[in-house]
Amino acid sequence: MKTLHVITPVKDSIETATQTIRAVMSSQLKIPVTYTVYNDFSTPETTAALQQLSQELGFELVNLCDVTDHPSPNYLLVLRTEQKKALAQDAGMLIVESDVTVQPHTLQALVDGALERPDCGIAASVTVDQDGVINYPYKRDFAGKVNRVVDTRKHCSFCCSLLTPALLAAYDFEQLHPDKNWFDVTISHESLKHGLHNYVFTNLPVLHKPHASRPWKQLKYKNPLLYYWRKFINKKDRI
């Protein structure tokens, strides 16, 4: 891994997105890094705020409306684009979603953790709430497993996850199903199928405010039956 590509897809929720971006830009990294924010058809107000923030902080901003007419979410396009760029530069791809806040040491520690494990396909930070308690999406499988590195067969969320060059070279994202919206489950399983290991670092927690960019998904916790009905009828949130 000669360099690191950090990416953040953004869909509105400018307050949490700004927290994410500022935290990433404040990261203490030894490895060369490029940081790209993908604006996925946010409102004009959010787009303007991201443009101003890009000028202030110096990250690359890609407005997806300039490159595709496919409606949001465009995670597939982002993953395929970044895989090609990463493979060309022997880079790792580190996804930090726009409802996550990292610590200054988090990204470099994930890189170091992956490099210490030659079989690593994905190195993921566990997510926690404001009180430091492990929360969605890791709560069910990792509650109580603190301050350790877990070699897991469970899927890694892409809240804050490093996809290593080994994984990027092993599995072509052109094979991902275009009818799906999210791909962390598929890519986690493909990593294992290709003989790699996925590690969740519960000693590198990141603050997660679930679904800040898509408030309709909060219905999952308030009325699960209605959430899954709407998900089915509207063909949303396909994994």
C-alpha atoms as a PDB file:
ATOM      1  CA  MET A   1       0.000   0.000   0.000  1.00  0.00           C
ATOM      2  CA  LYS A   2       1.902   3.028  -1.291  1.00  0.00           C
ATOM      3  CA  THR A   3      -0.817   5.609  -0.769  1.00  0.00           C
ATOM      4  CA  LEU A   4      -4.316   6.033   0.598  1.00  0.00           C
ATOM      5  CA  HIS A   5      -7.512   7.205  -1.069  1.00  0.00           C
ATOM      6  CA  VAL A   6     -10.088   8.403   1.455  1.00  0.00           C
ATOM      7  CA  ILE A   7     -13.635   8.953   0.208  1.00  0.00           C
ATOM      8  CA  THR A   8     -16.849  10.296   1.705  1.00  0.00           C
ATOM      9  CA  PRO A   9     -20.159  10.092  -0.182  1.00  0.00           C
ATOM     10  CA  VAL A  10     -22.471  12.941   0.888  1.00  0.00           C
ATOM     11  CA  LYS A  11     -26.229  13.254   0.544  1.00  0.00           C
ATOM     12  CA  ASP A  12     -27.321  16.446   2.304  1.00  0.00           C
ATOM     13  CA  SER A  13     -27.165  16.425   6.142  1.00  0.00           C
ATOM     14  CA  ILE A  14     -24.535  19.147   5.855  1.00  0.00           C
ATOM     15  CA  GLU A  15     -24.013  19.421   9.625  1.00  0.00           C
ATOM     16  CA  THR A  16     -22.871  15.831  10.095  1.00  0.00           C
ATOM     17  CA  ALA A  17     -21.082  15.833   6.725  1.00  0.00           C
ATOM     18  CA  THR A  18     -19.088  18.904   7.774  1.00  0.00           C
ATOM     19  CA  GLN A  19     -18.105  17.196  11.034  1.00  0.00           C
ATOM     20  CA  THR A  20     -16.986  14.150   9.059  1.00  0.00           C
ATOM     21  CA  ILE A  21     -14.965  16.152   6.552  1.00  0.00           C
ATOM     22  CA  ARG A  22     -13.251  18.341   9.140  1.00  0.00           C
ATOM     23  CA  ALA A  23     -12.310  15.282  11.185  1.00  0.00           C
ATOM     24  CA  VAL A  24     -10.826  13.514   8.162  1.00  0.00           C
ATOM     25  CA  MET A  25      -8.897  16.623   7.172  1.00  0.00           C
ATOM     26  CA  SER A  26      -7.503  16.809  10.718  1.00  0.00           C
ATOM     27  CA  SER A  27      -6.203  13.231  10.568  1.00  0.00           C
ATOM     28  CA  GLN A  28      -2.587  12.602  11.445  1.00  0.00           C
ATOM     29  CA  LEU A  29      -1.332  10.518   8.530  1.00  0.00           C
ATOM     30  CA  LYS A  30       2.154   9.320   7.643  1.00  0.00           C
ATOM     31  CA  ILE A  31       1.114   7.725   4.348  1.00  0.00           C
ATOM     32  CA  PRO A  32       0.422   9.948   1.303  1.00  0.00           C
ATOM     33  CA  VAL A  33      -3.314  10.579   1.041  1.00  0.00           C
ATOM     34  CA  THR A  34      -5.922  12.037  -1.276  1.00  0.00           C
ATOM     35  CA  TYR A  35      -9.388  12.874   0.020  1.00  0.00           C
ATOM     36  CA  THR A  36     -12.420  13.016  -2.260  1.00  0.00           C
ATOM     37  CA  VAL A  37     -15.952  13.952  -1.274  1.00  0.00           C
ATOM     38  CA  TYR A  38     -18.650  12.691  -3.641  1.00  0.00           C
ATOM     39  CA  ASN A  39     -21.720  14.930  -3.559  1.00  0.00           C
ATOM     40  CA  ASP A  40     -24.603  12.622  -4.481  1.00  0.00           C
ATOM     41  CA  PHE A  41     -27.321  14.964  -5.775  1.00  0.00           C
ATOM     42  CA  SER A  42     -27.597  17.049  -2.615  1.00  0.00           C
ATOM     43  CA  THR A  43     -29.680  20.218  -2.524  1.00  0.00           C
ATOM     44  CA  PRO A  44     -28.237  23.413  -4.040  1.00  0.00           C
ATOM     45  CA  GLU A  45     -27.701  24.738  -0.513  1.00  0.00           C
ATOM     46  CA  THR A  46     -25.684  21.686   0.525  1.00  0.00           C
ATOM     47  CA  THR A  47     -23.747  21.755  -2.742  1.00  0.00           C
ATOM     48  CA  ALA A  48     -22.809  25.390  -2.204  1.00  0.00           C
ATOM     49  CA  ALA A  49     -21.719  24.652   1.372  1.00  0.00           C
ATOM     50  CA  LEU A  50     -19.574  21.733   0.199  1.00  0.00           C
ATOM     51  CA  GLN A  51     -17.977  23.899  -2.469  1.00  0.00           C
ATOM     52  CA  GLN A  52     -17.080  26.531   0.099  1.00  0.00           C
ATOM     53  CA  LEU A  53     -15.735  23.884   2.461  1.00  0.00           C
ATOM     54  CA  SER A  54     -13.629  22.383  -0.344  1.00  0.00           C
ATOM     55  CA  GLN A  55     -12.064  25.766  -1.041  1.00  0.00           C
ATOM     56  CA  GLU A  56     -11.385  26.267   2.665  1.00  0.00           C
ATOM     57  CA  LEU A  57      -9.911  22.849   3.459  1.00  0.00           C
ATOM     58  CA  GLY A  58      -8.485  21.695   0.132  1.00  0.00           C
ATOM     59  CA  PHE A  59     -10.178  18.347  -0.472  1.00  0.00           C
ATOM     60  CA  GLU A  60     -11.413  17.256  -3.904  1.00  0.00           C
ATOM     61  CA  LEU A  61     -15.151  17.663  -4.458  1.00  0.00           C
ATOM     62  CA  VAL A  62     -16.936  15.665  -7.153  1.00  0.00           C
ATOM     63  CA  ASN A  63     -20.529  16.650  -7.858  1.00  0.00           C
ATOM     64  CA  LEU A  64     -22.016  13.455  -9.237  1.00  0.00           C
ATOM     65  CA  CYS A  65     -24.677  15.412 -11.121  1.00  0.00           C
ATOM     66  CA  ASP A  66     -21.830  16.448 -13.439  1.00  0.00           C
ATOM     67  CA  VAL A  67     -20.943  12.859 -14.354  1.00  0.00           C
ATOM     68  CA  THR A  68     -24.218  10.888 -14.230  1.00  0.00           C
ATOM     69  CA  ASP A  69     -27.970  11.284 -14.450  1.00  0.00           C
ATOM     70  CA  HIS A  70     -28.557   8.185 -12.319  1.00  0.00           C
ATOM     71  CA  PRO A  71     -30.552   9.159  -9.195  1.00  0.00           C
ATOM     72  CA  SER A  72     -29.056   8.925  -5.738  1.00  0.00           C
ATOM     73  CA  PRO A  73     -27.729   6.714  -4.204  1.00  0.00           C
ATOM     74  CA  ASN A  74     -24.706   6.310  -6.501  1.00  0.00           C
ATOM     75  CA  TYR A  75     -22.510   4.199  -4.262  1.00  0.00           C
ATOM     76  CA  LEU A  76     -21.834   1.754  -7.098  1.00  0.00           C
ATOM     77  CA  LEU A  77     -20.412   4.454  -9.366  1.00  0.00           C
ATOM     78  CA  VAL A  78     -18.249   5.794  -6.556  1.00  0.00           C
ATOM     79  CA  LEU A  79     -16.866   2.358  -5.662  1.00  0.00           C
ATOM     80  CA  ARG A  80     -16.093   1.454  -9.259  1.00  0.00           C
ATOM     81  CA  THR A  81     -14.461   4.803  -9.940  1.00  0.00           C
ATOM     82  CA  GLU A  82     -12.305   4.655  -6.836  1.00  0.00           C
ATOM     83  CA  GLN A  83     -11.290   1.035  -7.380  1.00  0.00           C
ATOM     84  CA  LYS A  84      -9.782   1.899 -10.757  1.00  0.00           C
ATOM     85  CA  LYS A  85      -7.934   4.884  -9.303  1.00  0.00           C
ATOM     86  CA  ALA A  86      -6.668   2.895  -6.324  1.00  0.00           C
ATOM     87  CA  LEU A  87      -5.442  -0.037  -8.396  1.00  0.00           C
ATOM     88  CA  ALA A  88      -3.487   2.320 -10.645  1.00  0.00           C
ATOM     89  CA  GLN A  89      -1.620   3.730  -7.632  1.00  0.00           C
ATOM     90  CA  ASP A  90      -1.326   0.679  -5.342  1.00  0.00           C
ATOM     91  CA  ALA A  91      -3.586   2.526  -2.934  1.00  0.00           C
ATOM     92  CA  GLY A  92      -5.950   1.468  -0.211  1.00  0.00           C
ATOM     93  CA  MET A  93      -9.526   2.766  -0.347  1.00  0.00           C
ATOM     94  CA  LEU A  94     -10.760   4.068   2.978  1.00  0.00           C
ATOM     95  CA  ILE A  95     -14.467   4.902   3.165  1.00  0.00           C
ATOM     96  CA  VAL A  96     -15.622   7.318   5.842  1.00  0.00           C
ATOM     97  CA  GLU A  97     -19.355   7.859   5.605  1.00  0.00           C
ATOM     98  CA  SER A  98     -20.918  11.243   6.223  1.00  0.00           C
ATOM     99  CA  ASP A  99     -22.504  10.318   9.568  1.00  0.00           C
ATOM    100  CA  VAL A 100     -19.170   9.253  11.106  1.00  0.00           C
ATOM    101  CA  THR A 101     -16.556  11.260  13.021  1.00  0.00           C
ATOM    102  CA  VAL A 102     -13.036   9.842  13.224  1.00  0.00           C
ATOM    103  CA  GLN A 103     -10.303  10.633  15.729  1.00  0.00           C
ATOM    104  CA  PRO A 104      -7.003  12.171  14.521  1.00  0.00           C
ATOM    105  CA  HIS A 105      -5.202   8.816  14.799  1.00  0.00           C
ATOM    106  CA  THR A 106      -7.962   6.560  13.418  1.00  0.00           C
ATOM    107  CA  LEU A 107      -7.104   6.436   9.725  1.00  0.00           C
ATOM    108  CA  GLN A 108      -3.372   5.874  10.165  1.00  0.00           C
ATOM    109  CA  ALA A 109      -4.054   3.224  12.802  1.00  0.00           C
ATOM    110  CA  LEU A 110      -6.325   1.362  10.366  1.00  0.00           C
ATOM    111  CA  VAL A 111      -3.607   1.520   7.728  1.00  0.00           C
ATOM    112  CA  ASP A 112      -1.027   0.232  10.224  1.00  0.00           C
ATOM    113  CA  GLY A 113      -3.377  -2.519  11.371  1.00  0.00           C
ATOM    114  CA  ALA A 114      -3.966  -3.658   7.808  1.00  0.00           C
ATOM    115  CA  LEU A 115      -0.263  -3.602   6.949  1.00  0.00           C
ATOM    116  CA  GLU A 116       0.511  -5.713  10.020  1.00  0.00           C
ATOM    117  CA  ARG A 117      -1.857  -8.376   8.640  1.00  0.00           C
ATOM    118  CA  PRO A 118      -0.873  -9.460   5.110  1.00  0.00           C
ATOM    119  CA  ASP A 119      -4.116 -11.441   4.789  1.00  0.00           C
ATOM    120  CA  CYS A 120      -6.286  -8.371   5.487  1.00  0.00           C
ATOM    121  CA  GLY A 121      -9.070  -7.616   3.029  1.00  0.00           C
ATOM    122  CA  ILE A 122     -11.016  -5.097   5.138  1.00  0.00           C
ATOM    123  CA  ALA A 123      -9.958  -3.206   8.248  1.00  0.00           C
ATOM    124  CA  ALA A 124     -12.978  -1.590   9.895  1.00  0.00           C
ATOM    125  CA  SER A 125     -13.448   0.675  12.896  1.00  0.00           C
ATOM    126  CA  VAL A 126     -16.251  -0.250  15.253  1.00  0.00           C
ATOM    127  CA  THR A 127     -18.972   2.394  15.632  1.00  0.00           C
ATOM    128  CA  VAL A 128     -20.070   3.927  18.934  1.00  0.00           C
ATOM    129  CA  ASP A 129     -22.586   6.461  20.223  1.00  0.00           C
ATOM    130  CA  GLN A 130     -21.894   9.680  22.116  1.00  0.00           C
ATOM    131  CA  ASP A 131     -21.344   7.654  25.304  1.00  0.00           C
ATOM    132  CA  GLY A 132     -18.768   5.376  23.675  1.00  0.00           C
ATOM    133  CA  VAL A 133     -21.118   2.384  23.566  1.00  0.00           C
ATOM    134  CA  ILE A 134     -20.960   0.182  20.464  1.00  0.00           C
ATOM    135  CA  ASN A 135     -24.006   0.974  18.319  1.00  0.00           C
ATOM    136  CA  TYR A 136     -25.550   0.203  14.936  1.00  0.00           C
ATOM    137  CA  PRO A 137     -24.413  -1.556  12.771  1.00  0.00           C
ATOM    138  CA  TYR A 138     -22.032  -3.421  15.108  1.00  0.00           C
ATOM    139  CA  LYS A 139     -24.120  -3.545  18.277  1.00  0.00           C
ATOM    140  CA  ARG A 140     -25.629  -7.008  17.775  1.00  0.00           C
ATOM    141  CA  ASP A 141     -22.402  -8.879  17.012  1.00  0.00           C
ATOM    142  CA  PHE A 142     -19.736  -6.874  18.825  1.00  0.00           C
ATOM    143  CA  ALA A 143     -21.283  -5.554  22.034  1.00  0.00           C
ATOM    144  CA  GLY A 144     -18.843  -6.272  24.833  1.00  0.00           C
ATOM    145  CA  LYS A 145     -15.916  -6.992  22.504  1.00  0.00           C
ATOM    146  CA  VAL A 146     -13.992  -3.844  23.356  1.00  0.00           C
ATOM    147  CA  ASN A 147     -10.315  -2.930  22.943  1.00  0.00           C
ATOM    148  CA  ARG A 148      -9.449  -5.783  20.636  1.00  0.00           C
ATOM    149  CA  VAL A 149      -9.072  -6.707  16.981  1.00  0.00           C
ATOM    150  CA  VAL A 150     -11.691  -9.221  15.868  1.00  0.00           C
ATOM    151  CA  ASP A 151     -11.114 -11.495  12.875  1.00  0.00           C
ATOM    152  CA  THR A 152     -14.736 -11.744  11.787  1.00  0.00           C
ATOM    153  CA  ARG A 153     -16.869 -13.721   9.364  1.00  0.00           C
ATOM    154  CA  LYS A 154     -19.645 -11.168   9.876  1.00  0.00           C
ATOM    155  CA  HIS A 155     -19.863  -8.438   7.281  1.00  0.00           C
ATOM    156  CA  CYS A 156     -18.026  -5.171   7.868  1.00  0.00           C
ATOM    157  CA  SER A 157     -19.967  -1.980   7.530  1.00  0.00           C
ATOM    158  CA  PHE A 158     -18.443   0.723   5.367  1.00  0.00           C
ATOM    159  CA  CYS A 159     -19.038   3.395   8.032  1.00  0.00           C
ATOM    160  CA  CYS A 160     -15.260   3.625   8.418  1.00  0.00           C
ATOM    161  CA  SER A 161     -13.504   0.833   6.555  1.00  0.00           C
ATOM    162  CA  LEU A 162     -10.258   0.355   4.685  1.00  0.00           C
ATOM    163  CA  LEU A 163     -10.378  -1.876   1.601  1.00  0.00           C
ATOM    164  CA  THR A 164      -6.844  -3.086   1.036  1.00  0.00           C
ATOM    165  CA  PRO A 165      -5.045  -3.304  -2.308  1.00  0.00           C
ATOM    166  CA  ALA A 166      -5.197  -7.098  -1.946  1.00  0.00           C
ATOM    167  CA  LEU A 167      -8.993  -7.004  -1.903  1.00  0.00           C
ATOM    168  CA  LEU A 168      -9.228  -4.408  -4.661  1.00  0.00           C
ATOM    169  CA  ALA A 169      -7.026  -6.578  -6.892  1.00  0.00           C
ATOM    170  CA  ALA A 170      -8.895  -9.789  -6.049  1.00  0.00           C
ATOM    171  CA  TYR A 171     -12.489  -8.718  -6.722  1.00  0.00           C
ATOM    172  CA  ASP A 172     -13.634  -6.568  -9.628  1.00  0.00           C
ATOM    173  CA  PHE A 173     -16.399  -4.175  -8.582  1.00  0.00           C
ATOM    174  CA  GLU A 174     -17.778  -4.375 -12.112  1.00  0.00           C
ATOM    175  CA  GLN A 175     -19.283  -7.647 -10.877  1.00  0.00           C
ATOM    176  CA  LEU A 176     -21.401  -5.876  -8.263  1.00  0.00           C
ATOM    177  CA  HIS A 177     -25.117  -6.073  -8.971  1.00  0.00           C
ATOM    178  CA  PRO A 178     -26.411  -2.775 -10.412  1.00  0.00           C
ATOM    179  CA  ASP A 179     -29.865  -3.203  -8.854  1.00  0.00           C
ATOM    180  CA  LYS A 180     -28.470  -2.921  -5.332  1.00  0.00           C
ATOM    181  CA  ASN A 181     -27.895   0.313  -3.412  1.00  0.00           C
ATOM    182  CA  TRP A 182     -25.312  -0.752  -0.800  1.00  0.00           C
ATOM    183  CA  PHE A 183     -22.441  -3.177  -1.151  1.00  0.00           C
ATOM    184  CA  ASP A 184     -20.738  -3.676   2.201  1.00  0.00           C
ATOM    185  CA  VAL A 185     -22.303  -7.128   2.664  1.00  0.00           C
ATOM    186  CA  THR A 186     -21.370  -8.332  -0.821  1.00  0.00           C
ATOM    187  CA  ILE A 187     -17.813  -7.017  -0.712  1.00  0.00           C
ATOM    188  CA  SER A 188     -17.248  -8.391   2.801  1.00  0.00           C
ATOM    189  CA  HIS A 189     -18.310 -11.834   1.619  1.00  0.00           C
ATOM    190  CA  GLU A 190     -16.213 -11.602  -1.532  1.00  0.00           C
ATOM    191  CA  SER A 191     -13.188 -10.730   0.578  1.00  0.00           C
ATOM    192  CA  LEU A 192     -13.625 -13.975   2.490  1.00  0.00           C
ATOM    193  CA  LYS A 193     -14.292 -15.961  -0.682  1.00  0.00           C
ATOM    194  CA  HIS A 194     -10.955 -14.780  -2.064  1.00  0.00           C
ATOM    195  CA  GLY A 195      -9.081 -16.086   0.976  1.00  0.00           C
ATOM    196  CA  LEU A 196      -8.719 -12.775   2.793  1.00  0.00           C
ATOM    197  CA  HIS A 197      -9.680 -11.884   6.352  1.00  0.00           C
ATOM    198  CA  ASN A 198     -11.841  -9.037   7.593  1.00  0.00           C
ATOM    199  CA  TYR A 199     -10.923  -7.351  10.866  1.00  0.00           C
ATOM    200  CA  VAL A 200     -13.037  -5.124  13.087  1.00  0.00           C
ATOM    201  CA  PHE A 201     -10.947  -2.871  15.306  1.00  0.00           C
ATOM    202  CA  THR A 202     -12.944  -2.287  18.473  1.00  0.00           C
ATOM    203  CA  ASN A 203      -9.894  -0.452  19.844  1.00  0.00           C
ATOM    204  CA  LEU A 204     -10.402   2.212  17.134  1.00  0.00           C
ATOM    205  CA  PRO A 205     -13.985   3.374  17.714  1.00  0.00           C
ATOM    206  CA  VAL A 206     -15.597   6.094  15.615  1.00  0.00           C
ATOM    207  CA  LEU A 207     -18.644   8.162  16.483  1.00  0.00           C
ATOM    208  CA  HIS A 208     -21.652   7.150  14.370  1.00  0.00           C
ATOM    209  CA  LYS A 209     -24.942   9.001  14.011  1.00  0.00           C
ATOM    210  CA  PRO A 210     -26.901   6.396  12.022  1.00  0.00           C
ATOM    211  CA  HIS A 211     -28.750   7.429   8.863  1.00  0.00           C
ATOM    212  CA  ALA A 212     -28.208  11.146   9.292  1.00  0.00           C
ATOM    213  CA  SER A 213     -28.142  11.577   5.521  1.00  0.00           C
ATOM    214  CA  ARG A 214     -31.318   9.549   4.941  1.00  0.00           C
ATOM    215  CA  PRO A 215     -33.750  10.354   7.777  1.00  0.00           C
ATOM    216  CA  TRP A 216     -36.479   8.075   6.397  1.00  0.00           C
ATOM    217  CA  LYS A 217     -34.374   5.110   7.558  1.00  0.00           C
ATOM    218  CA  GLN A 218     -34.908   6.129  11.195  1.00  0.00           C
ATOM    219  CA  LEU A 219     -38.287   4.462  10.746  1.00  0.00           C
ATOM    220  CA  LYS A 220     -36.438   1.156  11.110  1.00  0.00           C
ATOM    221  CA  TYR A 221     -36.232   1.759  14.860  1.00  0.00           C
ATOM    222  CA  LYS A 222     -39.622   3.450  15.407  1.00  0.00           C
ATOM    223  CA  ASN A 223     -41.807   1.200  13.262  1.00  0.00           C
ATOM    224  CA  PRO A 224     -39.855  -1.704  11.726  1.00  0.00           C
ATOM    225  CA  LEU A 225     -42.868  -3.243   9.949  1.00  0.00           C
ATOM    226  CA  LEU A 226     -43.674   0.022   8.186  1.00  0.00           C
ATOM    227  CA  TYR A 227     -39.995   0.551   7.360  1.00  0.00           C
ATOM    228  CA  TYR A 228     -39.614  -2.829   5.675  1.00  0.00           C
ATOM    229  CA  TRP A 229     -42.946  -2.432   3.881  1.00  0.00           C
ATOM    230  CA  ARG A 230     -41.898   0.917   2.424  1.00  0.00           C
ATOM    231  CA  LYS A 231     -38.477  -0.483   1.614  1.00  0.00           C
ATOM    232  CA  PHE A 232     -40.105  -3.327  -0.324  1.00  0.00           C
ATOM    233  CA  ILE A 233     -42.720  -1.220  -2.108  1.00  0.00           C
ATOM    234  CA  ASN A 234     -40.344   1.620  -3.030  1.00  0.00           C
ATOM    235  CA  LYS A 235     -37.416  -0.703  -3.775  1.00  0.00           C
ATOM    236  CA  LYS A 236     -35.191   1.321  -1.467  1.00  0.00           C
ATOM    237  CA  ASP A 237     -32.098   0.445   0.511  1.00  0.00           C
ATOM    238  CA  ARG A 238     -31.295  -2.733  -1.420  1.00  0.00           C
ATOM    239  CA  ILE A 239     -28.350  -4.672   0.002  1.00  0.00           C
END
